Protein backbone atom coordinates (compact mmCIF):
# COMPACT_ATOMS: atom_id res chain seq x y z
CA UNK A 1 20.15 23.79 -11.78
CA UNK A 2 18.09 20.29 -11.55
CA UNK A 3 21.07 18.34 -10.74
CA UNK A 4 21.94 20.69 -6.82
CA UNK A 5 18.44 20.51 -6.52
CA UNK A 6 18.33 17.09 -6.98
CA UNK A 7 21.57 17.32 -4.78
CA UNK A 8 20.25 19.35 -2.23
CA UNK A 9 16.95 17.18 -1.73
CA UNK A 10 19.53 14.56 -0.81
CA UNK A 11 21.48 16.22 2.01
CA UNK A 12 17.76 17.88 3.47
CA UNK A 13 16.89 13.76 3.64
CA UNK A 14 20.08 12.81 5.67
CA UNK A 15 19.90 15.83 7.79
CA UNK A 16 15.93 14.47 8.47
CA UNK A 17 17.03 10.99 8.93
CA UNK A 18 16.00 10.89 12.79
CA UNK A 19 12.33 11.85 11.78
CA UNK A 20 12.68 9.36 8.54
CA UNK A 21 13.21 6.76 11.24
CA UNK A 22 10.62 7.60 14.00
CA UNK A 23 8.05 7.37 10.78
CA UNK A 24 9.62 4.36 9.66
CA UNK A 25 9.38 2.79 12.93
CA UNK A 26 5.71 3.98 13.50
CA UNK A 27 4.53 2.26 9.60
CA UNK A 28 6.58 -0.99 10.62
CA UNK A 29 5.24 -1.42 13.83
CA UNK A 30 1.40 -0.20 13.13
CA UNK A 31 2.01 -3.00 9.71
CA UNK A 32 2.73 -5.72 12.47
CA UNK A 33 -0.16 -4.56 14.75
CA UNK A 34 -2.70 -4.38 11.99
CA UNK A 35 -0.90 -8.07 10.75
CA UNK A 36 -1.34 -9.96 13.97
CA UNK A 37 -4.38 -7.92 15.46
CA UNK A 38 -6.74 -7.45 12.52
CA UNK A 39 -9.92 -6.54 14.27
CA UNK A 40 -9.62 -2.69 14.78
CA UNK A 41 -11.82 -0.58 12.20
CA UNK A 42 -12.79 -3.91 10.45
CA UNK A 43 -16.07 -2.21 8.77
CA UNK A 44 -14.05 1.17 8.02
CA UNK A 45 -11.53 -1.48 6.28
CA UNK A 46 -13.49 -3.54 4.51
CA UNK A 47 -15.52 -0.47 3.00
CA UNK A 48 -12.58 1.29 1.87
CA UNK A 49 -11.60 -1.86 -0.10
CA UNK A 50 -15.01 -2.55 -1.36
CA UNK A 51 -15.04 0.83 -2.91
CA UNK A 52 -11.36 1.04 -4.26
CA UNK A 53 -12.27 -2.36 -5.77
CA UNK A 54 -15.80 -0.63 -7.56
CA UNK A 55 -13.68 2.20 -8.31
CA UNK A 56 -10.85 0.58 -10.38
CA UNK A 57 -13.44 -2.14 -11.83
CA UNK A 58 -13.20 -2.35 -15.42
CA UNK A 59 -10.15 0.31 -15.92
CA UNK A 60 -7.80 -0.48 -18.78
CA UNK A 61 -4.19 0.47 -18.18
CA UNK A 62 -3.45 3.46 -18.19
CA UNK A 63 -6.56 4.57 -16.36
CA UNK A 64 -6.09 2.31 -13.44
CA UNK A 65 -2.44 4.08 -13.43
CA UNK A 66 -3.65 7.68 -13.07
CA UNK A 67 -5.93 6.11 -10.33
CA UNK A 68 -3.33 4.15 -8.39
CA UNK A 69 -0.85 7.45 -8.92
CA UNK A 70 -3.12 10.11 -7.78
CA UNK A 71 -4.66 8.45 -4.47
CA UNK A 72 -0.19 7.83 -4.04
CA UNK A 73 0.40 11.70 -4.75
CA UNK A 74 -2.35 12.73 -2.80
CA UNK A 75 -1.57 10.73 0.29
CA UNK A 76 1.92 12.14 -0.17
CA UNK A 77 1.38 15.27 -0.93
CA UNK A 78 -1.04 15.81 2.32
CA UNK A 79 1.24 14.09 4.83
CA UNK A 80 4.17 16.17 3.44
CA UNK A 81 2.37 19.92 3.53
CA UNK A 82 -0.02 19.36 6.33
CA UNK A 83 3.22 18.16 8.98
CA UNK A 84 2.91 22.03 9.79
CA UNK A 85 0.30 20.97 12.13
CA UNK A 86 2.85 19.92 14.52
CA UNK A 87 3.24 16.80 12.89
CA UNK A 88 0.27 15.18 13.96
CA UNK A 89 -1.54 14.31 10.35
CA UNK A 90 1.36 12.74 9.00
CA UNK A 91 1.82 10.40 12.55
CA UNK A 92 -2.02 9.70 11.90
CA UNK A 93 -1.45 8.61 7.74
CA UNK A 94 1.61 6.73 8.83
CA UNK A 95 -0.07 4.65 11.44
CA UNK A 96 -3.38 3.94 9.53
CA UNK A 97 -1.65 3.00 6.02
CA UNK A 98 0.58 0.90 8.18
CA UNK A 99 -2.26 -0.76 10.03
CA UNK A 100 -3.95 -1.30 6.83
CA UNK A 101 -1.26 -2.74 5.11
CA UNK A 102 -0.97 -5.08 8.14
CA UNK A 103 -4.77 -5.78 8.04
CA UNK A 104 -4.97 -7.12 4.24
CA UNK A 105 -1.24 -8.72 4.12
CA UNK A 106 -3.37 -10.78 7.03
CA UNK A 107 -6.00 -11.29 4.92
CA UNK A 108 -3.99 -12.31 1.81
CA UNK A 109 -2.12 -14.72 3.65
CA UNK A 110 -5.22 -15.89 5.03
CA UNK A 111 -6.44 -16.38 1.80
CA UNK A 112 -3.59 -17.23 -0.49
CA UNK A 113 -0.44 -18.33 1.83
CA UNK A 114 2.42 -16.44 2.53
CA UNK A 115 3.65 -16.80 -0.77
CA UNK A 116 1.28 -14.31 -2.73
CA UNK A 117 2.81 -11.84 -0.65
CA UNK A 118 5.92 -12.03 -2.66
CA UNK A 119 4.22 -11.28 -5.60
CA UNK A 120 2.64 -7.96 -3.90
CA UNK A 121 6.23 -6.60 -2.78
CA UNK A 122 7.98 -4.83 -5.97
CA UNK A 123 5.68 -2.18 -6.25
CA UNK A 124 6.60 -1.52 -2.20
CA UNK A 125 10.27 -1.59 -2.78
CA UNK A 126 8.81 2.19 -4.29
CA UNK A 127 5.84 3.23 -2.48
CA UNK A 128 6.72 2.64 0.75
CA UNK A 129 10.06 4.58 0.79
CA UNK A 130 7.91 7.44 -0.77
CA UNK A 131 5.23 7.43 1.67
CA UNK A 132 8.13 7.10 4.75
CA UNK A 133 9.80 10.19 2.90
CA UNK A 134 6.44 12.39 2.58
CA UNK A 135 5.58 11.60 6.06
CA UNK A 136 9.07 12.25 7.67
CA UNK A 137 9.80 15.69 6.25
CA UNK A 138 5.81 16.07 7.13
CA UNK A 139 7.25 15.50 10.97
CA UNK A 140 10.20 17.66 10.32
CA UNK A 141 7.98 20.22 9.13
CA UNK A 142 6.15 20.51 12.28
CA UNK A 143 8.84 20.53 14.71
CA UNK A 144 9.25 24.46 13.63
CA UNK A 145 6.83 25.00 16.55
CA UNK A 146 9.70 24.04 19.14
CA UNK A 147 12.34 26.06 17.62
CA UNK A 148 13.23 29.43 19.45
CA UNK A 149 10.81 32.02 18.80
CA UNK A 150 13.59 33.95 16.59
CA UNK A 151 14.14 31.07 14.31
CA UNK A 152 10.51 29.45 13.83
CA UNK A 153 9.58 30.75 10.70
CA UNK A 154 13.31 30.37 9.27
CA UNK A 155 13.18 26.59 10.02
CA UNK A 156 9.48 26.45 8.21
CA UNK A 157 10.66 28.60 5.00
CA UNK A 158 13.63 26.05 4.84
CA UNK A 159 11.57 22.65 5.75
CA UNK A 160 8.78 24.31 2.87
CA UNK A 161 11.36 24.39 0.37
CA UNK A 162 13.10 21.59 0.43
CA UNK A 163 10.44 19.32 1.19
CA UNK A 164 8.98 20.63 -1.94
CA UNK A 165 12.09 20.10 -3.59
CA UNK A 166 12.31 16.23 -2.24
CA UNK A 167 8.82 15.94 -3.37
CA UNK A 168 9.34 17.24 -6.88
CA UNK A 169 12.72 15.25 -7.42
CA UNK A 170 12.53 12.02 -5.66
CA UNK A 171 8.52 11.67 -4.19
CA UNK A 172 7.05 11.88 -7.40
CA UNK A 173 9.77 9.50 -9.64
CA UNK A 174 9.10 7.18 -6.85
CA UNK A 175 5.35 7.07 -6.78
CA UNK A 176 5.42 6.66 -10.61
CA UNK A 177 7.47 3.67 -10.66
CA UNK A 178 5.51 2.35 -8.19
CA UNK A 179 2.11 3.09 -10.05
CA UNK A 180 3.89 1.55 -12.78
CA UNK A 181 4.55 -1.63 -11.12
CA UNK A 182 1.40 -1.83 -9.11
CA UNK A 183 -0.94 -1.11 -12.28
CA UNK A 184 0.59 -4.39 -13.97
CA UNK A 185 0.83 -6.39 -11.15
CA UNK A 186 -2.97 -6.12 -10.77
CA UNK A 187 -3.29 -6.29 -14.96
CA UNK A 188 -1.09 -9.48 -14.79
CA UNK A 189 -2.57 -10.91 -11.55
CA UNK A 190 -6.06 -10.14 -12.67
């Protein structure tokens, strides 16, 4: 049963690739925009970064892991299942997260040089695909409203069931790995 669900998850991803490509393109475009033009939402992003820093100060490895994992899992869950609202929220989430990533990368490069980005890359190898998967499938879920009237509920049901499988069998494991790597990097870099 687990192997079959895992295979079905990959098939659903393959069938959803156009939505994943759209989200990936929006993510990378907004990250480049955030890197090149780190001038929007300055107060909000700075306050957000200060808040994260304050919340994680003094946490041990397990507490920090749980904090990172829970934040990432919430974002992925909301991005995936809020897609039912015509895919608007996944698009907003991907644009915001891409912009913040670009903004932070710009600040890191200005303060520490380009080489520090290589130390941050390993956790993104797992976290970014998980984010793209969840938001891409959320976008797909929202497109059920554009199906023929008699096929809408069938498409929605199909998307919900298969998105839940992808979430359980692929997104959660990717986010666990990403959180372990990110926690270790934070502890090692200090």
